[in-house]
Protein backbone atom coordinates (compact mmCIF):
# COMPACT_ATOMS: atom_id res chain seq x y z
CA MET A 1 45.65 1.72 10.21
CA LEU A 2 42.03 1.84 9.04
CA LEU A 3 40.39 -1.07 10.85
CA ARG A 4 40.25 -1.37 14.64
CA PHE A 5 38.33 -4.33 16.11
CA ARG A 6 36.49 -4.64 19.39
CA ALA A 7 34.80 -7.62 20.97
CA PRO A 8 31.70 -8.53 18.92
CA ARG A 9 28.30 -7.76 20.45
CA ILE A 10 25.90 -8.94 17.74
CA SER A 11 24.44 -12.43 17.78
CA ARG A 12 26.83 -14.93 16.23
CA SER A 13 23.96 -17.34 15.60
CA LEU A 14 22.35 -14.72 13.41
CA LEU A 15 25.26 -13.48 11.35
CA GLY A 16 28.16 -15.79 11.99
CA SER A 17 31.50 -15.02 13.60
CA VAL A 18 32.92 -13.15 10.60
CA ALA A 19 29.95 -10.82 10.37
CA ALA A 20 30.02 -10.24 14.13
CA ALA A 21 33.69 -9.27 14.04
CA VAL A 22 33.21 -6.94 11.10
CA LEU A 23 30.21 -5.23 12.65
CA ALA A 24 32.04 -4.73 15.93
CA ALA A 25 34.88 -2.96 14.14
CA SER A 26 35.20 0.80 14.22
CA LEU A 27 35.77 0.78 10.51
CA LEU A 28 37.05 4.26 9.87
CA THR A 29 39.40 6.21 12.11
CA PRO A 30 39.21 10.02 12.12
CA GLU A 31 42.36 10.19 10.04
CA ALA A 32 40.96 7.82 7.45
CA GLN A 33 37.71 9.78 7.25
CA ALA A 34 39.67 12.75 6.00
CA PHE A 35 41.51 10.73 3.36
CA PRO A 36 40.77 12.06 -0.13
CA ALA A 37 40.65 8.43 -1.29
CA PHE A 38 37.62 7.70 0.93
CA LYS A 39 35.67 10.76 -0.13
CA GLN A 40 36.65 10.29 -3.76
CA ALA A 41 35.39 6.70 -3.68
CA VAL A 42 32.13 7.82 -2.09
CA ALA A 43 31.68 10.58 -4.67
CA GLU A 44 32.42 8.31 -7.64
CA THR A 45 30.21 5.44 -6.49
CA ALA A 46 27.36 7.61 -5.25
CA ALA A 47 27.25 9.50 -8.56
CA ARG A 48 25.34 6.58 -10.08
CA ASP A 49 22.39 7.25 -7.74
CA ASP A 50 20.94 10.77 -7.67
CA ALA A 51 19.49 10.57 -4.16
CA ILE A 52 22.61 9.07 -2.60
CA ALA A 53 24.85 11.51 -4.48
CA ALA A 54 22.76 14.49 -3.35
CA TYR A 55 22.91 13.37 0.26
CA TYR A 56 26.66 12.83 0.37
CA ARG A 57 27.39 16.09 -1.42
CA GLY A 58 25.35 17.91 1.21
CA ALA A 59 27.18 16.05 3.98
CA ASP A 60 30.65 16.79 2.56
CA PHE A 61 30.98 13.04 1.91
CA ASP A 62 31.18 12.23 5.62
CA PRO A 63 30.28 8.63 6.52
CA ILE A 64 26.95 7.34 7.80
CA TRP A 65 28.04 3.75 8.40
CA THR A 66 31.81 3.38 8.44
CA GLY A 67 32.83 6.01 10.95
CA GLN A 68 34.17 5.62 14.46
CA GLY A 69 31.91 5.58 17.50
CA GLU A 70 28.86 3.89 18.98
CA ILE A 71 26.33 5.41 16.60
CA PHE A 72 28.15 4.10 13.51
CA LEU A 73 28.40 0.67 15.12
CA ALA A 74 24.70 0.78 16.00
CA ARG A 75 23.75 1.69 12.42
CA ARG A 76 25.80 -1.13 10.91
CA LYS A 77 24.50 -3.69 13.36
CA ALA A 78 20.91 -2.57 12.89
CA LEU A 79 21.08 -2.66 9.09
CA ILE A 80 22.81 -6.03 8.82
CA ALA A 81 20.46 -7.54 11.39
CA ALA A 82 17.42 -6.16 9.51
CA LEU A 83 18.68 -7.42 6.16
CA SER A 84 19.29 -10.83 7.70
CA ARG A 85 15.58 -11.08 8.60
CA VAL A 86 13.97 -9.78 5.39
CA GLU A 87 12.27 -13.13 4.78
CA ASP A 88 10.12 -12.43 7.84
CA HIS A 89 8.57 -9.72 5.66
CA ALA A 90 8.15 -12.08 2.68
CA LEU A 91 11.03 -10.35 0.88
CA PRO A 92 13.84 -12.26 -0.88
CA ALA A 93 17.18 -12.41 0.96
CA ALA A 94 19.15 -12.48 -2.30
CA ARG A 95 17.78 -9.05 -3.21
CA TYR A 96 19.87 -7.43 -0.46
CA ASP A 97 22.89 -9.77 -0.51
CA VAL A 98 23.73 -9.34 3.17
CA ASP A 99 26.47 -11.98 2.91
CA GLY A 100 28.08 -9.98 0.11
CA LEU A 101 27.90 -6.81 2.19
CA VAL A 102 29.54 -8.50 5.19
CA ALA A 103 32.24 -9.98 2.95
CA GLN A 104 32.90 -6.56 1.41
CA MET A 105 33.23 -5.04 4.87
CA ALA A 106 35.56 -7.80 6.02
CA SER A 107 37.85 -7.42 2.99
CA ALA A 108 38.19 -3.61 3.20
CA ARG A 109 41.87 -2.71 3.47
CA SER A 110 42.09 0.90 2.34
CA ALA A 111 40.31 4.20 2.61
CA ARG A 112 39.02 3.67 -0.92
CA ASP A 113 37.67 0.23 -0.01
CA LEU A 114 35.80 1.77 2.89
CA GLY A 115 34.35 4.44 0.63
CA LEU A 116 32.93 1.67 -1.52
CA VAL A 117 31.55 -0.07 1.59
CA GLU A 118 29.95 3.19 2.71
CA VAL A 119 27.95 3.58 -0.50
CA ALA A 120 27.11 -0.13 -0.70
CA LEU A 121 25.51 0.05 2.74
CA SER A 122 23.54 3.17 1.77
CA LYS A 123 22.25 1.49 -1.38
CA ALA A 124 21.21 -1.60 0.57
CA TYR A 125 19.47 0.55 3.15
CA LEU A 126 17.52 2.53 0.56
CA LYS A 127 16.41 -0.60 -1.27
CA TYR A 128 15.27 -2.14 2.00
CA ALA A 129 13.55 1.07 3.11
CA ARG A 130 11.71 1.47 -0.20
CA ASP A 131 10.56 -2.15 -0.23
CA LEU A 132 9.25 -2.02 3.34
CA THR A 133 7.57 1.37 3.16
CA SER A 134 5.85 1.00 -0.22
CA GLY A 135 6.37 -2.50 -1.56
CA MET A 136 8.84 -4.23 -3.82
CA LEU A 137 6.60 -4.45 -6.91
CA VAL A 138 4.94 -1.82 -9.13
CA PRO A 139 1.25 -2.85 -9.09
CA SER A 140 0.26 -1.46 -12.50
CA ARG A 141 2.99 -3.50 -14.18
CA ILE A 142 1.39 -6.68 -12.86
CA ASP A 143 -2.22 -5.95 -13.74
CA ASP A 144 -3.50 -2.78 -15.40
CA GLU A 145 -6.65 -2.94 -13.25
CA ILE A 146 -4.54 -2.39 -10.12
CA VAL A 147 -4.47 1.36 -10.56
CA ARG A 148 -3.31 2.12 -7.05
CA GLU A 149 -0.96 5.08 -6.74
CA ILE A 150 1.87 4.18 -4.39
CA ALA A 151 3.12 6.80 -1.94
CA ARG A 152 6.89 6.48 -2.30
CA ARG A 153 8.95 8.21 0.38
CA ASP A 154 11.61 10.52 -0.94
CA ARG A 155 14.94 8.67 -0.91
CA THR A 156 16.96 11.70 0.19
CA GLU A 157 14.52 12.17 3.06
CA LEU A 158 14.96 8.51 3.99
CA MET A 159 18.71 9.07 4.21
CA GLN A 160 18.29 12.15 6.38
CA SER A 161 15.69 10.54 8.63
CA PHE A 162 17.90 7.55 9.30
CA LEU A 163 20.88 9.78 10.05
CA ALA A 164 18.80 11.71 12.59
CA ALA A 165 17.51 8.57 14.33
CA GLU A 166 18.84 8.10 17.85
CA ASN A 167 17.90 4.41 17.78
CA PRO A 168 18.73 2.93 14.35
CA LYS A 169 17.24 -0.45 15.23
CA ALA A 170 13.88 1.06 16.19
CA PHE A 171 13.92 3.29 13.10
CA LEU A 172 14.42 0.35 10.74
CA ARG A 173 11.74 -1.64 12.53
CA GLY A 174 9.36 1.28 12.04
CA LEU A 175 9.74 1.27 8.25
CA ALA A 176 7.27 -1.60 7.84
CA PRO A 177 3.55 -0.74 7.90
CA GLN A 178 2.60 0.02 11.49
CA THR A 179 -0.87 -1.45 11.13
CA PRO A 180 -2.34 -4.30 13.19
CA GLU A 181 -3.14 -5.99 9.86
CA TYR A 182 0.51 -6.17 8.82
CA THR A 183 1.59 -7.41 12.26
CA ARG A 184 -1.04 -10.15 12.25
CA LEU A 185 -0.21 -11.18 8.68
CA MET A 186 3.47 -11.55 9.57
CA LYS A 187 2.55 -13.61 12.63
CA GLU A 188 0.37 -15.88 10.48
CA LYS A 189 3.14 -16.23 7.90
CA LEU A 190 5.54 -17.53 10.53
CA ARG A 191 2.86 -19.82 11.98
CA LEU A 192 2.08 -21.36 8.59
CA GLN A 193 5.76 -21.85 7.83
CA ARG A 194 6.17 -23.76 11.10
CA LEU A 195 3.08 -25.83 10.32
CA ILE A 196 4.24 -26.63 6.77
CA SER A 197 7.64 -27.73 8.04
CA ASP A 198 5.74 -30.06 10.38
CA GLY A 199 3.72 -31.66 7.56
CA GLY A 200 1.00 -29.16 6.79
CA TRP A 201 -2.67 -30.02 7.26
CA GLY A 202 -2.37 -33.70 6.48
CA ALA A 203 -4.33 -35.83 4.04
CA THR A 204 -7.01 -34.23 1.88
CA VAL A 205 -10.67 -35.16 2.15
CA PRO A 206 -11.33 -37.74 -0.63
CA VAL A 207 -15.07 -37.17 -1.22
CA ALA A 208 -17.27 -34.43 -2.68
CA LYS A 209 -19.74 -34.13 0.22
CA LEU A 210 -20.04 -34.99 3.90
CA GLU A 211 -22.85 -34.12 6.28
CA SER A 212 -24.32 -34.88 9.67
CA GLY A 213 -24.54 -38.64 10.33
CA ASP A 214 -21.83 -39.70 7.86
CA ARG A 215 -19.09 -42.01 9.13
CA GLY A 216 -15.85 -43.52 7.93
CA ASN A 217 -12.36 -42.66 6.71
CA ALA A 218 -13.44 -39.54 4.81
CA VAL A 219 -14.93 -38.09 8.00
CA ILE A 220 -11.71 -38.92 9.84
CA ALA A 221 -9.71 -37.09 7.16
CA LEU A 222 -12.07 -34.11 7.47
CA ARG A 223 -11.82 -34.21 11.27
CA ASP A 224 -8.02 -34.37 11.26
CA ARG A 225 -7.71 -31.54 8.76
CA LEU A 226 -10.06 -29.30 10.73
CA ILE A 227 -8.07 -30.03 13.88
CA ARG A 228 -4.78 -29.14 12.18
CA MET A 229 -6.34 -25.95 10.85
CA GLY A 230 -7.42 -24.94 14.34
CA PHE A 231 -11.18 -25.12 13.81
CA MET A 232 -11.71 -28.13 16.07
CA ASP A 233 -10.30 -29.48 19.32
CA ARG A 234 -8.63 -32.87 19.35
CA SER A 235 -11.15 -35.66 18.93
CA ALA A 236 -11.31 -39.38 18.16
CA THR A 237 -14.72 -39.28 16.51
CA ALA A 238 -15.24 -41.16 13.26
CA SER A 239 -18.69 -39.71 12.66
CA PHE A 240 -19.89 -36.36 11.37
CA ASP A 241 -21.20 -35.29 14.79
CA SER A 242 -22.09 -31.87 16.21
CA ASP A 243 -18.44 -31.04 16.93
CA VAL A 244 -17.49 -31.68 13.32
CA GLU A 245 -20.52 -29.72 12.10
CA ASN A 246 -19.62 -26.73 14.28
CA ALA A 247 -16.04 -26.89 13.00
CA VAL A 248 -17.31 -26.91 9.40
CA ARG A 249 -19.44 -23.85 10.17
CA ALA A 250 -16.44 -22.06 11.65
CA PHE A 251 -14.38 -22.95 8.59
CA GLN A 252 -17.12 -21.70 6.26
CA THR A 253 -17.32 -18.42 8.17
CA ALA A 254 -13.56 -17.90 7.89
CA HIS A 255 -13.60 -18.60 4.14
CA GLY A 256 -16.62 -16.58 3.04
CA LEU A 257 -18.73 -19.65 2.25
CA GLU A 258 -22.41 -20.32 2.79
CA ILE A 259 -22.70 -21.25 6.46
CA ASP A 260 -24.80 -24.41 6.58
CA GLY A 261 -22.58 -26.91 8.43
CA VAL A 262 -22.57 -29.22 5.39
CA ALA A 263 -19.21 -30.04 3.84
CA GLY A 264 -20.42 -29.79 0.26
CA LYS A 265 -18.39 -29.53 -2.91
CA GLY A 266 -17.41 -25.88 -2.45
CA THR A 267 -16.49 -26.34 1.20
CA ILE A 268 -14.51 -29.54 0.54
CA THR A 269 -12.64 -27.79 -2.26
CA GLU A 270 -11.61 -24.98 0.10
CA ILE A 271 -10.74 -27.40 2.93
CA ASN A 272 -8.44 -29.28 0.53
CA VAL A 273 -6.50 -26.13 -0.44
CA PRO A 274 -2.89 -26.78 0.69
CA ALA A 275 -1.31 -24.79 3.50
CA GLU A 276 1.33 -23.70 0.98
CA THR A 277 -1.35 -21.97 -1.11
CA ARG A 278 -2.68 -20.17 1.95
CA LEU A 279 0.86 -19.09 2.80
CA LYS A 280 1.20 -17.57 -0.67
CA SER A 281 -1.98 -15.58 -0.04
CA ILE A 282 -0.53 -14.28 3.22
CA MET A 283 2.73 -13.24 1.57
CA VAL A 284 0.88 -11.50 -1.26
CA ALA A 285 -1.30 -9.72 1.30
CA MET A 286 1.83 -8.43 3.06
CA GLU A 287 3.07 -6.89 -0.18
CA ARG A 288 -0.37 -5.44 -0.80
CA GLU A 289 -0.43 -3.93 2.70
CA ARG A 290 2.86 -2.20 1.91
CA TRP A 291 1.19 -0.61 -1.13
CA LEU A 292 -1.62 0.82 0.97
CA ASP A 293 -1.09 4.20 2.60
CA ARG A 294 -3.42 3.82 5.58
CA GLU A 295 -3.84 5.81 8.76
CA THR A 296 -4.25 3.95 12.04
CA GLU A 297 -6.49 6.71 13.42
CA GLY A 298 -9.70 8.26 12.15
CA ARG A 299 -12.36 6.87 9.82
CA GLU A 300 -11.87 4.93 6.59
CA ILE A 301 -13.97 2.82 4.22
CA LEU A 302 -12.63 -0.55 3.07
CA VAL A 303 -14.14 -2.40 0.13
CA ASN A 304 -12.59 -5.85 -0.23
CA LEU A 305 -13.43 -7.11 -3.71
CA THR A 306 -12.72 -10.77 -2.89
CA ASP A 307 -14.83 -10.66 0.27
CA PHE A 308 -17.76 -8.84 -1.39
CA THR A 309 -18.08 -6.49 1.58
CA ALA A 310 -17.86 -2.79 2.37
CA LYS A 311 -16.77 -1.77 5.87
CA ILE A 312 -16.46 1.39 7.90
CA ILE A 313 -13.42 1.39 10.17
CA ASP A 314 -13.10 3.90 13.02
CA ASP A 315 -9.70 4.20 14.72
CA GLY A 316 -8.82 0.70 13.55
CA LYS A 317 -12.07 -0.89 14.75
CA LEU A 318 -14.84 -2.26 12.55
CA THR A 319 -18.02 -0.23 13.16
CA PHE A 320 -20.15 -1.17 10.14
CA ARG A 321 -20.19 -3.96 7.57
CA THR A 322 -22.48 -4.72 4.65
CA ARG A 323 -22.48 -7.16 1.77
CA SER A 324 -21.57 -5.84 -1.65
CA VAL A 325 -21.76 -6.76 -5.31
CA VAL A 326 -18.63 -6.02 -7.34
CA GLY A 327 -17.67 -6.00 -11.01
CA LYS A 328 -18.22 -9.09 -13.10
CA ASN A 329 -15.11 -11.05 -14.02
CA GLN A 330 -14.96 -9.67 -17.58
CA SER A 331 -12.30 -7.48 -19.13
CA ASP A 332 -14.43 -4.33 -19.17
CA ARG A 333 -16.31 -4.90 -15.91
CA ARG A 334 -13.85 -5.93 -13.20
CA SER A 335 -13.68 -3.39 -10.37
CA PRO A 336 -10.29 -1.67 -10.23
CA GLU A 337 -8.19 -1.26 -7.09
CA PHE A 338 -7.41 2.26 -5.93
CA SER A 339 -7.82 4.70 -3.06
CA ASP A 340 -9.63 8.01 -3.06
CA THR A 341 -11.66 10.25 -0.78
CA MET A 342 -15.43 10.14 -0.27
CA GLU A 343 -16.79 13.69 -0.40
CA HIS A 344 -20.58 13.47 -0.63
CA MET A 345 -23.65 11.33 -1.19
CA VAL A 346 -26.51 11.82 -3.62
CA ILE A 347 -30.01 10.89 -2.41
CA ASN A 348 -32.51 10.05 -5.17
CA PRO A 349 -29.76 10.01 -7.81
CA THR A 350 -30.14 10.29 -11.55
CA TRP A 351 -28.30 7.53 -13.36
CA ASN A 352 -26.10 9.00 -16.05
CA VAL A 353 -25.49 5.90 -18.12
CA PRO A 354 -21.75 5.47 -18.80
CA ARG A 355 -20.98 5.89 -22.48
CA SER A 356 -19.50 2.42 -22.70
CA ILE A 357 -22.81 0.90 -21.54
CA ALA A 358 -24.91 3.22 -23.69
CA THR A 359 -23.04 2.43 -26.90
CA LYS A 360 -22.08 -1.20 -26.38
CA GLU A 361 -25.23 -2.52 -24.70
CA TYR A 362 -28.12 -0.14 -25.40
CA LEU A 363 -27.38 1.16 -28.89
CA PRO A 364 -27.71 -2.33 -30.48
CA MET A 365 -31.05 -2.67 -28.68
CA LEU A 366 -32.20 0.74 -29.93
CA LYS A 367 -31.30 -0.18 -33.51
CA LYS A 368 -33.67 -3.14 -33.27
CA ASN A 369 -36.36 -1.30 -31.35
CA PRO A 370 -36.29 2.49 -30.77
CA ASN A 371 -38.53 2.03 -27.74
CA ALA A 372 -36.19 -0.40 -26.01
CA VAL A 373 -35.11 0.50 -22.45
CA SER A 374 -37.88 3.10 -22.46
CA TYR A 375 -37.18 4.02 -18.84
CA LEU A 376 -34.03 5.80 -20.05
CA ARG A 377 -34.17 9.33 -21.41
CA LEU A 378 -32.21 10.30 -24.51
CA VAL A 379 -30.52 13.69 -24.00
CA ASN A 380 -28.76 15.80 -26.64
CA GLY A 381 -25.74 18.06 -26.23
CA ARG A 382 -27.94 20.99 -25.17
CA GLY A 383 -29.47 18.98 -22.32
CA GLN A 384 -32.79 18.52 -24.09
CA THR A 385 -34.74 15.25 -23.97
CA VAL A 386 -34.97 13.78 -27.49
CA ASP A 387 -38.03 12.13 -29.00
CA ARG A 388 -36.87 8.61 -29.91
CA SER A 389 -39.41 8.28 -32.73
CA ALA A 390 -37.57 11.05 -34.60
CA VAL A 391 -34.18 9.32 -34.42
CA ASP A 392 -32.73 6.88 -36.95
CA PHE A 393 -30.48 4.81 -34.67
CA SER A 394 -29.10 2.75 -37.56
CA GLN A 395 -26.83 5.63 -38.57
CA PHE A 396 -24.91 5.60 -35.27
CA THR A 397 -21.91 3.62 -34.07
CA THR A 398 -20.12 3.41 -30.75
CA ARG A 399 -17.96 6.31 -31.95
CA ASN A 400 -20.52 8.79 -33.24
CA PHE A 401 -23.50 8.15 -30.95
CA PRO A 402 -24.42 11.79 -30.07
CA PHE A 403 -26.69 11.31 -27.07
CA ASP A 404 -26.43 10.85 -23.34
CA MET A 405 -28.77 8.39 -21.66
CA LYS A 406 -30.24 9.09 -18.22
CA GLN A 407 -32.57 7.40 -15.79
CA SER A 408 -34.60 9.65 -13.51
CA PRO A 409 -34.67 9.11 -9.72
CA GLY A 410 -36.97 6.40 -8.42
CA ASN A 411 -37.23 2.90 -7.00
CA ARG A 412 -36.34 1.33 -10.37
CA ASN A 413 -33.25 3.47 -10.85
CA ALA A 414 -30.15 1.33 -11.47
CA LEU A 415 -28.37 3.20 -8.67
CA GLY A 416 -31.24 2.66 -6.28
CA LEU A 417 -32.05 5.53 -3.96
CA VAL A 418 -28.58 6.71 -2.90
CA LYS A 419 -25.04 6.77 -4.20
CA PHE A 420 -21.80 7.59 -2.39
CA MET A 421 -19.27 9.62 -4.33
CA PHE A 422 -15.49 9.74 -4.25
CA PRO A 423 -14.87 11.40 -7.65
CA ASN A 424 -12.29 9.45 -9.64
CA ARG A 425 -11.24 8.92 -13.23
CA HIS A 426 -12.48 5.33 -13.13
CA ASN A 427 -16.10 6.42 -12.59
CA ILE A 428 -16.44 4.00 -9.66
CA TYR A 429 -18.68 4.69 -6.68
CA LEU A 430 -20.81 2.90 -4.08
CA HIS A 431 -24.57 2.76 -4.51
CA ASP A 432 -27.91 1.17 -3.77
CA THR A 433 -29.53 -1.22 -6.25
CA PRO A 434 -33.03 -2.56 -6.94
CA GLN A 435 -31.51 -6.02 -7.59
CA LYS A 436 -31.59 -7.21 -3.97
CA ALA A 437 -31.58 -10.93 -4.72
CA LEU A 438 -27.90 -10.87 -5.76
CA PHE A 439 -26.82 -10.27 -2.16
CA LYS A 440 -27.98 -13.76 -1.17
CA ARG A 441 -25.34 -15.35 -3.39
CA GLU A 442 -21.99 -16.57 -2.13
CA VAL A 443 -20.01 -15.10 -5.05
CA ARG A 444 -21.27 -11.62 -5.87
CA ALA A 445 -19.45 -10.40 -8.98
CA TYR A 446 -22.18 -9.07 -11.29
CA SER A 447 -21.89 -5.29 -11.71
CA HIS A 448 -20.30 -3.15 -14.42
CA GLY A 449 -17.55 -2.20 -11.96
CA CYS A 450 -19.25 -0.04 -9.35
CA ILE A 451 -19.90 -1.35 -5.84
CA ARG A 452 -23.51 -2.12 -4.90
CA LEU A 453 -24.40 -2.18 -1.21
CA GLN A 454 -26.93 -4.44 0.48
CA GLN A 455 -27.63 -1.92 3.27
CA PRO A 456 -27.14 1.49 1.64
CA PHE A 457 -29.48 3.37 4.00
CA GLU A 458 -27.71 2.03 7.09
CA PHE A 459 -24.39 2.87 5.45
CA ALA A 460 -25.63 6.44 4.93
CA TYR A 461 -26.82 6.69 8.55
CA ALA A 462 -23.38 5.58 9.76
CA LEU A 463 -21.65 8.21 7.62
CA LEU A 464 -24.05 10.97 8.67
CA ALA A 465 -23.80 10.08 12.37
CA LYS A 466 -20.60 12.13 12.54
CA GLN A 467 -22.44 15.30 11.51
CA GLU A 468 -26.16 14.94 12.25
CA ASP A 469 -27.90 14.51 15.61
CA ASN A 470 -30.52 12.27 13.99
CA PRO A 471 -28.91 10.87 10.83
CA LYS A 472 -31.83 8.57 9.97
CA ALA A 473 -34.39 11.38 10.14
CA PHE A 474 -32.11 13.68 8.16
CA PHE A 475 -31.64 11.08 5.41
CA GLN A 476 -35.29 10.05 5.24
CA SER A 477 -36.51 13.65 5.00
CA ARG A 478 -34.40 14.16 1.86
CA LEU A 479 -35.38 10.78 0.48
CA LYS A 480 -39.11 11.48 0.79
CA THR A 481 -38.87 14.54 -1.47
CA GLY A 482 -38.13 12.28 -4.45
CA ARG A 483 -35.77 14.98 -5.70
CA GLU A 484 -32.10 14.49 -6.35
CA THR A 485 -30.28 15.90 -3.31
CA HIS A 486 -26.56 16.40 -2.88
CA VAL A 487 -25.31 16.01 0.73
CA ASP A 488 -21.72 16.93 1.52
CA LEU A 489 -19.78 15.04 4.15
CA LYS A 490 -18.33 17.57 6.55
CA GLN A 491 -15.21 15.45 6.82
CA ASP A 492 -13.88 13.62 3.77
CA ILE A 493 -13.35 9.90 4.29
CA PRO A 494 -10.53 7.82 2.75
CA VAL A 495 -11.89 4.99 0.60
CA HIS A 496 -9.69 1.99 -0.15
CA ILE A 497 -10.89 -0.48 -2.75
CA ILE A 498 -8.67 -3.44 -1.96
CA TYR A 499 -8.29 -7.05 -3.07
CA ARG A 500 -7.27 -9.43 -0.29
CA THR A 501 -7.55 -13.18 -0.56
CA ALA A 502 -6.09 -13.25 2.95
CA TYR A 503 -6.87 -10.74 5.66
CA THR A 504 -7.13 -10.67 9.42
CA GLU A 505 -9.63 -9.54 12.02
CA ALA A 506 -8.99 -8.36 15.56
CA LYS A 507 -10.22 -11.70 16.91
CA GLY A 508 -10.57 -15.14 15.39
CA PRO A 509 -8.83 -16.99 12.57
CA VAL A 510 -7.27 -15.43 9.50
CA GLN A 511 -9.82 -15.02 6.71
CA PHE A 512 -9.22 -16.51 3.25
CA ARG A 513 -11.14 -15.80 0.06
CA ARG A 514 -11.07 -16.99 -3.56
CA ASP A 515 -8.89 -15.17 -6.11
CA VAL A 516 -11.96 -14.07 -8.08
CA TYR A 517 -10.09 -12.01 -10.71
CA GLY A 518 -6.82 -14.00 -10.65
CA ARG A 519 -4.83 -10.95 -9.54
CA ASP A 520 -3.12 -12.56 -6.56
CA GLY A 521 -1.84 -15.34 -8.81
CA LYS A 522 -0.16 -12.70 -10.96
CA ILE A 523 1.34 -10.98 -7.94
CA TRP A 524 2.71 -14.24 -6.55
CA LYS A 525 4.34 -14.99 -9.88
CA ALA A 526 5.94 -11.53 -9.87
CA LEU A 527 7.18 -12.07 -6.32
CA GLU A 528 8.66 -15.43 -7.32
CA ASN A 529 10.41 -13.77 -10.24
CA GLU A 530 12.04 -11.43 -7.72
CA GLY A 531 13.22 -14.38 -5.66
CA VAL A 532 10.50 -14.72 -3.03
CA ALA A 533 10.04 -18.32 -1.86
CA LEU A 534 7.81 -20.04 0.67
CA THR A 535 10.88 -21.00 2.75
CA SER A 536 10.40 -23.56 5.49
CA TYR A 537 10.50 -22.29 9.05
CA GLN A 538 14.04 -22.06 10.43
CA GLY A 539 13.24 -21.18 14.05
């Protein structure tokens, strides 16, 4: 006799009576565990997966899931319960086929059948564990400008870690990112699903502009939508009064818009975005958070390309924020997404013009006028400055242009007066800029890919505060020399260049931003192709 049933303990409302009975069964008696048929089935089935095969060989093909005793029961219950709630994590239920697993368990009649069940549960666990710890998708396959390297946990180690866990339920719960961001995103996902099932945000606002003093049905539609969104308390007003204006300001703040209290074209467009579209942004953000290997302690720098900001985070708390300018939405200028480590800053930097800019933008200008961009020095392979009047630029192409171009330190330098370095193959860094007017704009995508900071000095002071008693005086003393100065950070800082059209803050509403490069649209399509759906709230 292989199957011995006990009274079910798992929620019948969650899994159904059949699943509950199967999970409560001590599937494999000690005698059956020793059956060659069980171990042979495990060996044959596991052989198709290197990690699973390696684990079971090392464990003499003993069971993880189908054995007798409380720990085996706890593992089965925990896994099936977790797989039954994968949609909470914006993952597709069909990917894990929990109903098929329960049916396979229920129909097991022999030691060989149980060997097949054993490996099926291990495969489902590893798929679930991989998806939760590092995401379901491969970012670079979606967009080649998402160059993030994903930290995948070793699958054999995942098997061993689960086996060693005293509380399987807590272990599985801990596979998801343990960041406040992920927790808040999941909470917002469930909230939006409930709201959508209850009708969403209601009618859209049917005009292009509303402002203080306006009255009528369009104002009522605006009022009702702002109430449903949570930016305004319940009200019967039919006029654009101070309450409506304050709600518009709050909405603009939460959506990265110009904060003027006027519901102009841009604001109305964002207000009319359906709740379903915002839910997609949340679900994409959850997958993106699974890609990001973040620490919850210590210091990190976050650059959100869609928000046009750079932030310093200390132990999970925002300690500094500044506006940024990011890459222009062109094929060779969009800022890539990746993580690296900031090691030093350069005060009074020389701008070494990237070859792509030198050959594609400046060489055509030099062919027309050798004295064009005269503030840039032409440097040969020996490091010598070249006299432009002695050069025939017409003979060069983007391939054979033999010179480097450099701009000396100074107020007009394209990098401004300081740059912050995290050496990477993409040649991306953070820096000052003389073009200050760009920071006043709502959409700030104008650079060649690097990240320009509105408050670079203050950013430097914040970084140096960890290692200098008077960071401002230290920085300014180096700046006043006018000489290029390299300053090491005594502690390297993780830098994450991210792209979030939805993100949360410790307090206040969820923040939404425009999909400036169209990357989230691509990710949502990839998620849909894997079976992810918006799914109305089920309670």
